Amino acid sequence: MKDNLKLYVRGFFGSKEMSTESVQTPPSRPILSVFDLDPKALKHVVRNESIVEVYNQMVRRQVIHTDFNFRERVIKVAHTAFGINNFEAWALLNTKSPLFTQTHADFISDTARFIVTGKRHMPVNMWEHLISPGTNDPTSPTVFDEEMMKSLPAGWSTRSNQAISNNLHNVIAQWLSHTGGFTDMLTSLYTLFGDCDRNPTPALGAIDGRPH
C-alpha cells in the first residue's frame, strides 16, 4: 500500500501519482551565483501542485466558493490526494513517517473531529503554522483520538448492500456537509499535501459574504 504513497514536505504520506518534487534554497541568505549553492542547503520539497493551485486561488480570492466548476475540481483533487481510499488506514500509515510527531497526530484527530462533528479544537488555518519541517521533533509513540477516528463514516457498497473499507468518498461527503466544510477541507489538504513556506496565510473568510 505504501508503494502508492510519497512523503510530503510536512511529513504526511500522500498520493505518489499526484506528487511533484522540486529543489529549493532556504531564504536565509542571498544566492550570488550558481556556484554559491551549498548542496547541504538544498531542500527537496514534495507537494501536490493541484492542491497548491486551488488553495492559492481561494486565499487570493480569485474564485468564489459557490462556483460549481471550482468546487468540482477541489472535490476531485481531494479524492486523489490521500493515495488510498480509507481515511483511518491512511492516518495509521502516517505513524510510519520519519517526520511524524504528536502534533501531526493531533491535527489528524482534529480533522476527524470536524468531519464527525463540524467543530475543531483549533482553527484549521492555525495548524499550517504549527506543522513545518524542523518545528517539532518526531516522537514515538503517537496517539490519535480513537473516539473521533472510530466515529468516521463507514464506506458502503450499494451493489452488495454492505459496509466496505473504502470510506474516503463518504468521509469527504460528510466533511462538506458541515458549515465551513469546503474551506476547512481545502485548507486541511494544503496543510497535508501543499507547499511549505513560512509566510502567514491570509485569514480565510467567505468570499461572497457567506460561510462555506
N, C-alpha and C. Protein backbone atom coordinates (compact mmCIF):
# COMPACT_ATOMS: atom_id res chain seq x y z
N MET A 1 0.83 -1.20 0.00
CA MET A 1 0.00 0.00 0.00
C MET A 1 0.87 1.26 0.00
N LYS A 2 1.99 1.22 0.77
CA LYS A 2 2.87 2.38 0.84
C LYS A 2 3.57 2.65 -0.48
N ASP A 3 3.56 1.66 -1.39
CA ASP A 3 4.17 1.86 -2.71
C ASP A 3 3.43 2.95 -3.49
N ASN A 4 2.15 3.19 -3.16
CA ASN A 4 1.36 4.21 -3.85
C ASN A 4 1.50 5.59 -3.20
N LEU A 5 2.31 5.67 -2.13
CA LEU A 5 2.40 6.90 -1.36
C LEU A 5 3.79 7.51 -1.44
N LYS A 6 3.84 8.81 -1.18
CA LYS A 6 5.11 9.53 -1.13
C LYS A 6 5.09 10.46 0.07
N LEU A 7 6.25 10.67 0.69
CA LEU A 7 6.33 11.53 1.86
C LEU A 7 6.37 12.99 1.41
N TYR A 8 5.39 13.76 1.89
CA TYR A 8 5.28 15.17 1.51
C TYR A 8 6.06 16.04 2.48
N VAL A 9 6.19 17.32 2.12
CA VAL A 9 7.14 18.20 2.79
C VAL A 9 6.85 18.38 4.28
N ARG A 10 5.59 18.32 4.70
CA ARG A 10 5.29 18.50 6.12
C ARG A 10 5.31 17.19 6.90
N GLY A 11 5.64 16.09 6.23
CA GLY A 11 5.79 14.83 6.95
C GLY A 11 4.63 13.88 6.84
N PHE A 12 3.62 14.19 6.03
CA PHE A 12 2.48 13.30 5.82
C PHE A 12 2.68 12.50 4.54
N PHE A 13 2.18 11.28 4.53
CA PHE A 13 2.14 10.49 3.30
C PHE A 13 0.94 10.91 2.46
N GLY A 14 1.12 10.95 1.14
CA GLY A 14 0.05 11.26 0.22
C GLY A 14 0.28 10.56 -1.11
N SER A 15 -0.59 10.85 -2.05
CA SER A 15 -0.54 10.19 -3.34
C SER A 15 0.80 10.38 -4.04
N LYS A 16 1.41 9.28 -4.42
CA LYS A 16 2.67 9.35 -5.18
C LYS A 16 2.40 9.87 -6.58
N GLU A 17 1.28 9.45 -7.17
CA GLU A 17 0.94 9.85 -8.54
C GLU A 17 0.72 11.35 -8.65
N MET A 18 0.16 11.98 -7.61
CA MET A 18 -0.16 13.40 -7.66
C MET A 18 0.97 14.30 -7.17
N SER A 19 2.09 13.71 -6.77
CA SER A 19 3.16 14.50 -6.17
C SER A 19 4.12 15.04 -7.21
N THR A 20 4.69 16.19 -6.91
CA THR A 20 5.79 16.76 -7.69
C THR A 20 6.89 17.13 -6.71
N GLU A 21 8.13 17.06 -7.18
CA GLU A 21 9.27 17.33 -6.31
C GLU A 21 10.13 18.41 -6.92
N SER A 22 10.57 19.34 -6.10
CA SER A 22 11.46 20.40 -6.56
C SER A 22 12.54 20.61 -5.52
N VAL A 23 13.58 21.30 -5.92
CA VAL A 23 14.67 21.62 -5.01
C VAL A 23 14.66 23.12 -4.78
N GLN A 24 14.59 23.51 -3.51
CA GLN A 24 14.55 24.92 -3.16
C GLN A 24 15.72 25.28 -2.27
N THR A 25 16.09 26.53 -2.27
CA THR A 25 17.15 27.00 -1.38
C THR A 25 16.54 27.84 -0.29
N PRO A 26 17.01 27.71 0.93
CA PRO A 26 16.44 28.48 2.03
C PRO A 26 16.72 29.97 1.85
N PRO A 27 15.79 30.83 2.25
CA PRO A 27 15.94 32.28 2.04
C PRO A 27 16.77 32.96 3.12
N SER A 28 17.65 32.21 3.81
CA SER A 28 18.40 32.79 4.92
C SER A 28 19.49 33.75 4.45
N ARG A 29 19.95 33.58 3.23
CA ARG A 29 20.97 34.49 2.72
C ARG A 29 20.81 34.62 1.22
N PRO A 30 21.26 35.71 0.61
CA PRO A 30 21.11 35.85 -0.84
C PRO A 30 22.03 34.89 -1.59
N ILE A 31 21.53 34.36 -2.70
CA ILE A 31 22.33 33.49 -3.55
C ILE A 31 22.97 34.35 -4.63
N LEU A 32 24.30 34.40 -4.62
CA LEU A 32 25.01 35.30 -5.52
C LEU A 32 25.21 34.70 -6.90
N SER A 33 25.36 33.39 -6.97
CA SER A 33 25.54 32.72 -8.26
C SER A 33 25.28 31.25 -8.06
N VAL A 34 25.24 30.50 -9.17
CA VAL A 34 25.01 29.06 -9.07
C VAL A 34 26.15 28.38 -8.33
N PHE A 35 27.33 28.99 -8.29
CA PHE A 35 28.47 28.39 -7.60
C PHE A 35 28.41 28.64 -6.09
N ASP A 36 27.45 29.45 -5.68
CA ASP A 36 27.30 29.80 -4.27
C ASP A 36 26.41 28.82 -3.52
N LEU A 37 25.88 27.83 -4.23
CA LEU A 37 24.94 26.90 -3.61
C LEU A 37 25.68 25.82 -2.83
N ASP A 38 25.32 25.68 -1.59
CA ASP A 38 25.84 24.59 -0.76
C ASP A 38 24.90 23.40 -0.92
N PRO A 39 25.40 22.26 -1.41
CA PRO A 39 24.50 21.11 -1.62
C PRO A 39 23.72 20.74 -0.37
N LYS A 40 24.30 20.95 0.81
CA LYS A 40 23.59 20.60 2.04
C LYS A 40 22.43 21.54 2.33
N ALA A 41 22.46 22.71 1.69
CA ALA A 41 21.39 23.69 1.93
C ALA A 41 20.19 23.46 1.03
N LEU A 42 20.35 22.62 0.02
CA LEU A 42 19.24 22.36 -0.89
C LEU A 42 18.17 21.53 -0.18
N LYS A 43 16.93 21.87 -0.40
CA LYS A 43 15.83 21.20 0.26
C LYS A 43 14.87 20.63 -0.78
N HIS A 44 14.63 19.33 -0.71
CA HIS A 44 13.69 18.69 -1.62
C HIS A 44 12.28 18.91 -1.07
N VAL A 45 11.44 19.49 -1.89
CA VAL A 45 10.08 19.80 -1.48
C VAL A 45 9.11 18.99 -2.33
N VAL A 46 8.35 18.13 -1.68
CA VAL A 46 7.33 17.32 -2.35
C VAL A 46 5.97 17.93 -2.02
N ARG A 47 5.19 18.21 -3.08
CA ARG A 47 3.88 18.81 -2.87
C ARG A 47 2.93 18.36 -3.98
N ASN A 48 1.66 18.59 -3.75
CA ASN A 48 0.63 18.32 -4.73
C ASN A 48 0.31 19.65 -5.41
N GLU A 49 0.74 19.81 -6.65
CA GLU A 49 0.60 21.09 -7.34
C GLU A 49 -0.86 21.47 -7.54
N SER A 50 -1.72 20.49 -7.73
CA SER A 50 -3.14 20.79 -7.92
C SER A 50 -3.73 21.42 -6.67
N ILE A 51 -3.34 20.91 -5.49
CA ILE A 51 -3.82 21.48 -4.24
C ILE A 51 -3.26 22.88 -4.03
N VAL A 52 -1.99 23.06 -4.33
CA VAL A 52 -1.38 24.39 -4.19
C VAL A 52 -2.11 25.40 -5.06
N GLU A 53 -2.46 25.00 -6.28
CA GLU A 53 -3.11 25.92 -7.21
C GLU A 53 -4.50 26.32 -6.72
N VAL A 54 -5.33 25.35 -6.36
CA VAL A 54 -6.70 25.69 -5.95
C VAL A 54 -6.72 26.40 -4.60
N TYR A 55 -5.79 26.06 -3.72
CA TYR A 55 -5.72 26.76 -2.43
C TYR A 55 -5.34 28.22 -2.63
N ASN A 56 -4.35 28.46 -3.49
CA ASN A 56 -3.95 29.85 -3.75
C ASN A 56 -5.07 30.64 -4.40
N GLN A 57 -5.84 29.99 -5.27
CA GLN A 57 -6.99 30.67 -5.87
C GLN A 57 -7.98 31.09 -4.80
N MET A 58 -8.15 30.24 -3.78
CA MET A 58 -9.11 30.54 -2.73
C MET A 58 -8.60 31.69 -1.85
N VAL A 59 -7.37 31.61 -1.35
CA VAL A 59 -6.91 32.62 -0.40
C VAL A 59 -6.64 33.96 -1.08
N ARG A 60 -6.38 33.93 -2.39
CA ARG A 60 -6.19 35.19 -3.12
C ARG A 60 -7.49 35.73 -3.68
N ARG A 61 -8.58 35.03 -3.36
CA ARG A 61 -9.92 35.45 -3.76
C ARG A 61 -10.07 35.60 -5.28
N GLN A 62 -9.47 34.66 -5.97
CA GLN A 62 -9.58 34.64 -7.43
C GLN A 62 -10.82 33.89 -7.90
N VAL A 63 -11.49 33.22 -6.98
CA VAL A 63 -12.70 32.47 -7.30
C VAL A 63 -13.70 32.68 -6.16
N ILE A 64 -14.94 32.30 -6.39
CA ILE A 64 -15.92 32.26 -5.31
C ILE A 64 -16.21 30.80 -5.00
N HIS A 65 -16.47 30.53 -3.73
CA HIS A 65 -16.63 29.14 -3.30
C HIS A 65 -17.85 28.46 -3.92
N THR A 66 -18.81 29.24 -4.30
CA THR A 66 -20.02 28.64 -4.85
C THR A 66 -19.90 28.30 -6.33
N ASP A 67 -18.78 28.65 -6.96
CA ASP A 67 -18.58 28.33 -8.36
C ASP A 67 -18.54 26.82 -8.53
N PHE A 68 -19.44 26.29 -9.35
CA PHE A 68 -19.59 24.84 -9.48
C PHE A 68 -18.32 24.19 -9.98
N ASN A 69 -17.71 24.75 -11.01
CA ASN A 69 -16.52 24.14 -11.60
C ASN A 69 -15.36 24.11 -10.60
N PHE A 70 -15.22 25.17 -9.82
CA PHE A 70 -14.15 25.21 -8.82
C PHE A 70 -14.39 24.16 -7.74
N ARG A 71 -15.59 24.08 -7.23
CA ARG A 71 -15.90 23.10 -6.19
C ARG A 71 -15.71 21.68 -6.71
N GLU A 72 -16.14 21.43 -7.93
CA GLU A 72 -15.99 20.10 -8.52
C GLU A 72 -14.51 19.72 -8.63
N ARG A 73 -13.68 20.68 -9.05
CA ARG A 73 -12.26 20.40 -9.19
C ARG A 73 -11.63 20.09 -7.83
N VAL A 74 -11.98 20.87 -6.81
CA VAL A 74 -11.42 20.64 -5.47
C VAL A 74 -11.82 19.28 -4.95
N ILE A 75 -13.07 18.89 -5.15
CA ILE A 75 -13.54 17.59 -4.66
C ILE A 75 -12.82 16.45 -5.38
N LYS A 76 -12.59 16.59 -6.67
CA LYS A 76 -11.84 15.57 -7.41
C LYS A 76 -10.41 15.47 -6.89
N VAL A 77 -9.79 16.62 -6.63
CA VAL A 77 -8.43 16.62 -6.09
C VAL A 77 -8.40 15.94 -4.72
N ALA A 78 -9.42 16.19 -3.90
CA ALA A 78 -9.48 15.59 -2.56
C ALA A 78 -9.53 14.07 -2.64
N HIS A 79 -10.26 13.55 -3.61
CA HIS A 79 -10.41 12.10 -3.72
C HIS A 79 -9.11 11.41 -4.12
N THR A 80 -8.21 12.13 -4.78
CA THR A 80 -6.96 11.51 -5.22
C THR A 80 -5.77 11.83 -4.33
N ALA A 81 -5.91 12.82 -3.46
CA ALA A 81 -4.75 13.35 -2.73
C ALA A 81 -4.16 12.38 -1.71
N PHE A 82 -5.00 11.57 -1.07
CA PHE A 82 -4.53 10.73 0.03
C PHE A 82 -3.76 9.50 -0.46
N GLY A 83 -4.02 9.07 -1.67
CA GLY A 83 -3.31 7.92 -2.21
C GLY A 83 -3.94 6.59 -1.90
N ILE A 84 -4.84 6.54 -0.91
CA ILE A 84 -5.62 5.34 -0.60
C ILE A 84 -7.04 5.78 -0.30
N ASN A 85 -7.97 4.82 -0.29
CA ASN A 85 -9.39 5.15 -0.18
C ASN A 85 -9.99 4.96 1.21
N ASN A 86 -9.13 4.82 2.21
CA ASN A 86 -9.63 4.68 3.58
C ASN A 86 -8.92 5.68 4.47
N PHE A 87 -9.68 6.61 5.05
CA PHE A 87 -9.08 7.70 5.82
C PHE A 87 -8.36 7.19 7.07
N GLU A 88 -8.98 6.26 7.79
CA GLU A 88 -8.37 5.77 9.02
C GLU A 88 -7.09 4.99 8.72
N ALA A 89 -7.12 4.18 7.65
CA ALA A 89 -5.92 3.43 7.26
C ALA A 89 -4.81 4.39 6.86
N TRP A 90 -5.18 5.47 6.15
CA TRP A 90 -4.18 6.49 5.79
C TRP A 90 -3.57 7.11 7.04
N ALA A 91 -4.41 7.43 8.02
CA ALA A 91 -3.92 8.03 9.26
C ALA A 91 -2.92 7.11 9.95
N LEU A 92 -3.23 5.84 10.04
CA LEU A 92 -2.35 4.89 10.72
C LEU A 92 -1.03 4.72 9.97
N LEU A 93 -1.08 4.77 8.64
CA LEU A 93 0.15 4.66 7.86
C LEU A 93 1.10 5.82 8.15
N ASN A 94 0.54 6.96 8.49
CA ASN A 94 1.38 8.13 8.74
C ASN A 94 2.25 7.98 9.99
N THR A 95 1.91 7.06 10.87
CA THR A 95 2.75 6.83 12.05
C THR A 95 4.10 6.24 11.63
N LYS A 96 4.21 5.75 10.40
CA LYS A 96 5.48 5.21 9.89
C LYS A 96 6.35 6.30 9.29
N SER A 97 5.83 7.52 9.19
CA SER A 97 6.61 8.62 8.63
C SER A 97 7.75 8.98 9.57
N PRO A 98 8.96 9.16 9.05
CA PRO A 98 10.09 9.55 9.92
C PRO A 98 9.95 10.96 10.47
N LEU A 99 9.01 11.75 9.94
CA LEU A 99 8.81 13.13 10.39
C LEU A 99 7.56 13.28 11.24
N PHE A 100 6.88 12.17 11.53
CA PHE A 100 5.59 12.24 12.21
C PHE A 100 5.78 12.53 13.70
N THR A 101 5.00 13.49 14.21
CA THR A 101 5.06 13.87 15.62
C THR A 101 3.66 13.83 16.21
N GLN A 102 3.59 14.08 17.52
CA GLN A 102 2.28 14.13 18.15
C GLN A 102 1.46 15.29 17.60
N THR A 103 2.12 16.37 17.17
CA THR A 103 1.39 17.49 16.56
C THR A 103 0.71 17.05 15.27
N HIS A 104 1.41 16.23 14.47
CA HIS A 104 0.80 15.67 13.26
C HIS A 104 -0.44 14.84 13.62
N ALA A 105 -0.29 13.99 14.63
CA ALA A 105 -1.41 13.14 15.06
C ALA A 105 -2.56 13.99 15.57
N ASP A 106 -2.25 15.06 16.30
CA ASP A 106 -3.31 15.92 16.83
C ASP A 106 -4.06 16.62 15.69
N PHE A 107 -3.34 17.00 14.64
CA PHE A 107 -4.02 17.63 13.50
C PHE A 107 -4.96 16.65 12.81
N ILE A 108 -4.51 15.41 12.62
CA ILE A 108 -5.38 14.40 12.01
C ILE A 108 -6.61 14.16 12.90
N SER A 109 -6.41 14.08 14.20
CA SER A 109 -7.53 13.88 15.12
C SER A 109 -8.50 15.05 15.08
N ASP A 110 -7.95 16.28 15.02
CA ASP A 110 -8.81 17.45 14.97
C ASP A 110 -9.58 17.51 13.65
N THR A 111 -8.94 17.05 12.58
CA THR A 111 -9.62 16.98 11.29
C THR A 111 -10.74 15.95 11.33
N ALA A 112 -10.47 14.80 11.94
CA ALA A 112 -11.53 13.79 12.12
C ALA A 112 -12.67 14.36 12.96
N ARG A 113 -12.32 15.15 13.95
CA ARG A 113 -13.35 15.77 14.82
C ARG A 113 -14.26 16.68 13.99
N PHE A 114 -13.67 17.46 13.09
CA PHE A 114 -14.50 18.33 12.25
C PHE A 114 -15.38 17.50 11.32
N ILE A 115 -14.82 16.45 10.74
CA ILE A 115 -15.59 15.61 9.82
C ILE A 115 -16.79 15.01 10.53
N VAL A 116 -16.60 14.61 11.78
CA VAL A 116 -17.67 13.96 12.54
C VAL A 116 -18.64 14.97 13.13
N THR A 117 -18.14 16.08 13.69
CA THR A 117 -18.98 16.99 14.47
C THR A 117 -19.16 18.37 13.85
N GLY A 118 -18.31 18.74 12.89
CA GLY A 118 -18.36 20.10 12.35
C GLY A 118 -17.65 21.11 13.22
N LYS A 119 -16.92 20.64 14.24
CA LYS A 119 -16.20 21.53 15.16
C LYS A 119 -14.75 21.09 15.28
N ARG A 120 -13.88 22.05 15.59
CA ARG A 120 -12.47 21.77 15.85
C ARG A 120 -12.07 22.32 17.22
N HIS A 121 -10.99 21.77 17.76
CA HIS A 121 -10.41 22.34 18.96
C HIS A 121 -9.57 23.56 18.65
N MET A 122 -9.06 23.64 17.40
CA MET A 122 -8.22 24.75 16.99
C MET A 122 -8.58 25.14 15.56
N PRO A 123 -8.63 26.44 15.23
CA PRO A 123 -8.94 26.85 13.85
C PRO A 123 -8.02 26.17 12.85
N VAL A 124 -8.58 25.75 11.74
CA VAL A 124 -7.84 24.93 10.79
C VAL A 124 -6.61 25.64 10.26
N ASN A 125 -6.69 26.96 10.04
CA ASN A 125 -5.55 27.65 9.45
C ASN A 125 -4.38 27.81 10.42
N MET A 126 -4.61 27.54 11.71
CA MET A 126 -3.52 27.61 12.68
C MET A 126 -2.58 26.41 12.56
N TRP A 127 -3.12 25.28 12.14
CA TRP A 127 -2.30 24.06 12.07
C TRP A 127 -1.17 24.20 11.06
N GLU A 128 -1.43 24.93 9.97
CA GLU A 128 -0.42 25.10 8.93
C GLU A 128 0.88 25.65 9.50
N HIS A 129 0.77 26.53 10.51
CA HIS A 129 1.94 27.17 11.08
C HIS A 129 2.57 26.34 12.19
N LEU A 130 1.84 25.37 12.71
CA LEU A 130 2.37 24.50 13.76
C LEU A 130 3.12 23.31 13.19
N ILE A 131 2.79 22.94 11.95
CA ILE A 131 3.39 21.75 11.35
C ILE A 131 4.28 22.18 10.19
N SER A 132 5.55 22.37 10.47
CA SER A 132 6.53 22.74 9.46
C SER A 132 7.80 21.96 9.72
N PRO A 133 8.58 21.69 8.70
CA PRO A 133 9.84 20.96 8.91
C PRO A 133 10.72 21.65 9.94
N GLY A 134 11.17 20.87 10.91
CA GLY A 134 12.09 21.41 11.90
C GLY A 134 11.42 22.05 13.11
N THR A 135 10.09 22.15 13.11
CA THR A 135 9.42 22.81 14.23
C THR A 135 9.07 21.83 15.35
N ASN A 136 9.08 20.54 15.05
CA ASN A 136 8.76 19.53 16.06
C ASN A 136 9.71 18.35 15.91
N ASP A 137 10.03 17.72 17.01
CA ASP A 137 10.86 16.52 16.97
C ASP A 137 9.95 15.30 16.89
N PRO A 138 10.27 14.34 16.00
CA PRO A 138 9.46 13.12 15.93
C PRO A 138 9.42 12.43 17.28
N THR A 139 8.24 11.98 17.65
CA THR A 139 8.05 11.31 18.93
C THR A 139 7.43 9.95 18.70
N SER A 140 7.67 9.05 19.60
CA SER A 140 7.09 7.71 19.49
C SER A 140 6.76 7.23 20.90
N PRO A 141 5.58 6.65 21.10
CA PRO A 141 4.52 6.51 20.09
C PRO A 141 3.65 7.75 20.03
N THR A 142 2.94 7.90 18.93
CA THR A 142 1.97 8.98 18.78
C THR A 142 0.58 8.42 19.04
N VAL A 143 -0.32 9.29 19.47
CA VAL A 143 -1.66 8.84 19.88
C VAL A 143 -2.71 9.65 19.14
N PHE A 144 -3.69 8.96 18.54
CA PHE A 144 -4.83 9.60 17.92
C PHE A 144 -6.00 9.65 18.90
N ASP A 145 -6.97 10.49 18.59
CA ASP A 145 -8.23 10.49 19.33
C ASP A 145 -9.06 9.32 18.79
N GLU A 146 -9.00 8.21 19.48
CA GLU A 146 -9.63 6.98 18.99
C GLU A 146 -11.13 7.14 18.81
N GLU A 147 -11.76 7.89 19.71
CA GLU A 147 -13.21 8.08 19.62
C GLU A 147 -13.59 8.76 18.31
N MET A 148 -12.83 9.79 17.94
CA MET A 148 -13.12 10.51 16.70
C MET A 148 -12.83 9.62 15.49
N MET A 149 -11.73 8.90 15.52
CA MET A 149 -11.37 8.05 14.38
C MET A 149 -12.42 6.97 14.15
N LYS A 150 -12.91 6.39 15.22
CA LYS A 150 -13.91 5.32 15.10
C LYS A 150 -15.28 5.86 14.71
N SER A 151 -15.49 7.17 14.88
CA SER A 151 -16.78 7.78 14.55
C SER A 151 -16.86 8.23 13.10
N LEU A 152 -15.77 8.10 12.35
CA LEU A 152 -15.79 8.48 10.94
C LEU A 152 -16.79 7.63 10.17
N PRO A 153 -17.43 8.19 9.15
CA PRO A 153 -18.42 7.40 8.40
C PRO A 153 -17.78 6.21 7.72
N ALA A 154 -18.52 5.12 7.69
CA ALA A 154 -18.03 3.91 7.03
C ALA A 154 -18.31 3.98 5.54
N GLY A 155 -17.58 3.17 4.80
CA GLY A 155 -17.90 3.02 3.38
C GLY A 155 -19.09 2.09 3.21
N TRP A 156 -19.76 2.21 2.08
CA TRP A 156 -20.94 1.37 1.85
C TRP A 156 -21.05 1.04 0.38
N SER A 157 -21.23 -0.22 0.09
CA SER A 157 -21.39 -0.65 -1.29
C SER A 157 -22.87 -0.79 -1.61
N THR A 158 -23.36 0.00 -2.55
CA THR A 158 -24.76 -0.13 -2.94
C THR A 158 -24.98 -1.40 -3.75
N ARG A 159 -23.92 -1.89 -4.40
CA ARG A 159 -24.06 -3.11 -5.19
C ARG A 159 -24.28 -4.32 -4.30
N SER A 160 -23.47 -4.44 -3.23
CA SER A 160 -23.60 -5.59 -2.33
C SER A 160 -24.41 -5.25 -1.08
N ASN A 161 -24.79 -3.96 -0.93
CA ASN A 161 -25.57 -3.51 0.21
C ASN A 161 -24.92 -3.88 1.54
N GLN A 162 -23.61 -3.58 1.65
CA GLN A 162 -22.90 -3.86 2.88
C GLN A 162 -21.73 -2.89 3.05
N ALA A 163 -21.24 -2.81 4.30
CA ALA A 163 -20.13 -1.91 4.59
C ALA A 163 -18.86 -2.40 3.92
N ILE A 164 -18.03 -1.46 3.47
CA ILE A 164 -16.75 -1.78 2.86
C ILE A 164 -15.69 -0.88 3.49
N SER A 165 -14.42 -1.23 3.27
CA SER A 165 -13.33 -0.48 3.90
C SER A 165 -13.06 0.86 3.22
N ASN A 166 -13.43 0.98 1.95
CA ASN A 166 -13.15 2.22 1.22
C ASN A 166 -14.15 3.29 1.60
N ASN A 167 -13.79 4.13 2.56
CA ASN A 167 -14.75 5.09 3.10
C ASN A 167 -14.42 6.54 2.75
N LEU A 168 -13.39 6.79 1.93
CA LEU A 168 -12.98 8.17 1.68
C LEU A 168 -14.09 8.99 1.04
N HIS A 169 -14.85 8.39 0.14
CA HIS A 169 -15.94 9.11 -0.52
C HIS A 169 -16.94 9.63 0.52
N ASN A 170 -17.32 8.78 1.46
CA ASN A 170 -18.29 9.19 2.49
C ASN A 170 -17.68 10.17 3.48
N VAL A 171 -16.39 10.02 3.76
CA VAL A 171 -15.70 10.97 4.64
C VAL A 171 -15.73 12.36 4.02
N ILE A 172 -15.41 12.46 2.74
CA ILE A 172 -15.41 13.76 2.06
C ILE A 172 -16.82 14.34 2.01
N ALA A 173 -17.81 13.50 1.74
CA ALA A 173 -19.19 13.97 1.69
C ALA A 173 -19.62 14.55 3.04
N GLN A 174 -19.28 13.87 4.14
CA GLN A 174 -19.66 14.37 5.46
C GLN A 174 -18.85 15.62 5.80
N TRP A 175 -17.61 15.68 5.39
CA TRP A 175 -16.76 16.85 5.59
C TRP A 175 -17.43 18.09 4.98
N LEU A 176 -17.91 17.93 3.77
CA LEU A 176 -18.51 19.04 3.04
C LEU A 176 -19.91 19.39 3.55
N SER A 177 -20.53 18.50 4.30
CA SER A 177 -21.90 18.74 4.76
C SER A 177 -21.97 19.78 5.88
N HIS A 178 -20.85 20.06 6.53
CA HIS A 178 -20.84 20.99 7.66
C HIS A 178 -20.68 22.44 7.18
N THR A 179 -21.17 23.37 7.95
CA THR A 179 -20.93 24.78 7.68
C THR A 179 -19.43 25.05 7.70
N GLY A 180 -18.93 25.67 6.64
CA GLY A 180 -17.50 25.91 6.53
C GLY A 180 -16.71 24.70 6.09
N GLY A 181 -17.39 23.63 5.71
CA GLY A 181 -16.70 22.39 5.38
C GLY A 181 -15.80 22.47 4.16
N PHE A 182 -16.23 23.23 3.16
CA PHE A 182 -15.42 23.33 1.94
C PHE A 182 -14.09 24.02 2.23
N THR A 183 -14.13 25.14 2.94
CA THR A 183 -12.91 25.86 3.29
C THR A 183 -12.04 25.03 4.21
N ASP A 184 -12.65 24.35 5.17
CA ASP A 184 -11.90 23.51 6.09
C ASP A 184 -11.19 22.38 5.34
N MET A 185 -11.88 21.75 4.41
CA MET A 185 -11.28 20.65 3.67
C MET A 185 -10.10 21.12 2.83
N LEU A 186 -10.29 22.21 2.10
CA LEU A 186 -9.22 22.67 1.22
C LEU A 186 -8.02 23.16 2.03
N THR A 187 -8.25 23.84 3.14
CA THR A 187 -7.15 24.28 3.98
C THR A 187 -6.42 23.09 4.59
N SER A 188 -7.17 22.06 4.98
CA SER A 188 -6.56 20.84 5.50
C SER A 188 -5.72 20.14 4.44
N LEU A 189 -6.24 20.07 3.23
CA LEU A 189 -5.48 19.44 2.14
C LEU A 189 -4.18 20.18 1.89
N TYR A 190 -4.22 21.51 1.98
CA TYR A 190 -3.00 22.29 1.77
C TYR A 190 -1.99 22.01 2.89
N THR A 191 -2.47 21.92 4.13
CA THR A 191 -1.57 21.62 5.24
C THR A 191 -0.97 20.23 5.10
N LEU A 192 -1.73 19.29 4.62
CA LEU A 192 -1.25 17.92 4.46
C LEU A 192 -0.33 17.75 3.26
N PHE A 193 -0.72 18.32 2.12
CA PHE A 193 -0.06 17.98 0.87
C PHE A 193 0.40 19.18 0.05
N GLY A 194 0.29 20.38 0.61
CA GLY A 194 0.62 21.57 -0.15
C GLY A 194 2.06 22.00 0.03
N ASP A 195 2.30 23.27 -0.22
CA ASP A 195 3.63 23.84 -0.10
C ASP A 195 3.96 24.06 1.37
N CYS A 196 5.16 24.46 1.63
CA CYS A 196 5.56 24.74 3.00
C CYS A 196 6.44 25.96 3.02
N ASP A 197 5.83 27.13 3.18
CA ASP A 197 6.60 28.36 3.35
C ASP A 197 6.23 28.94 4.70
N ARG A 198 6.99 29.90 5.12
CA ARG A 198 6.77 30.48 6.44
C ARG A 198 6.06 31.82 6.37
N ASN A 199 5.47 32.12 5.21
CA ASN A 199 4.69 33.35 5.09
C ASN A 199 3.31 33.11 5.67
N PRO A 200 2.79 34.02 6.45
CA PRO A 200 1.47 33.83 7.06
C PRO A 200 0.39 33.67 6.00
N THR A 201 -0.50 32.75 6.24
CA THR A 201 -1.63 32.56 5.35
C THR A 201 -2.67 33.64 5.62
N PRO A 202 -3.22 34.26 4.58
CA PRO A 202 -4.28 35.26 4.82
C PRO A 202 -5.44 34.64 5.58
N ALA A 203 -6.08 35.45 6.38
CA ALA A 203 -7.25 34.96 7.10
C ALA A 203 -8.31 34.55 6.10
N LEU A 204 -8.91 33.39 6.36
CA LEU A 204 -9.88 32.84 5.43
C LEU A 204 -11.27 33.29 5.83
N GLY A 205 -11.93 33.97 4.94
CA GLY A 205 -13.30 34.39 5.18
C GLY A 205 -14.13 34.04 3.96
N ALA A 206 -15.40 34.18 4.07
CA ALA A 206 -16.25 33.88 2.92
C ALA A 206 -16.05 34.93 1.84
N ILE A 207 -15.86 34.48 0.62
CA ILE A 207 -15.59 35.40 -0.48
C ILE A 207 -16.84 36.17 -0.87
N ASP A 208 -17.97 35.53 -0.79
CA ASP A 208 -19.18 36.22 -1.19
C ASP A 208 -20.02 36.64 0.01
N GLY A 209 -19.39 36.66 1.19
CA GLY A 209 -20.07 37.17 2.37
C GLY A 209 -20.81 36.14 3.18
N ARG A 210 -20.77 34.88 2.76
CA ARG A 210 -21.46 33.83 3.49
C ARG A 210 -20.46 32.76 3.85
N PRO A 211 -20.68 32.02 4.94
CA PRO A 211 -19.78 30.93 5.30
C PRO A 211 -19.95 29.78 4.32
N HIS A 212 -18.83 29.02 4.10
CA HIS A 212 -18.88 27.88 3.18
C HIS A 212 -18.24 26.68 3.81
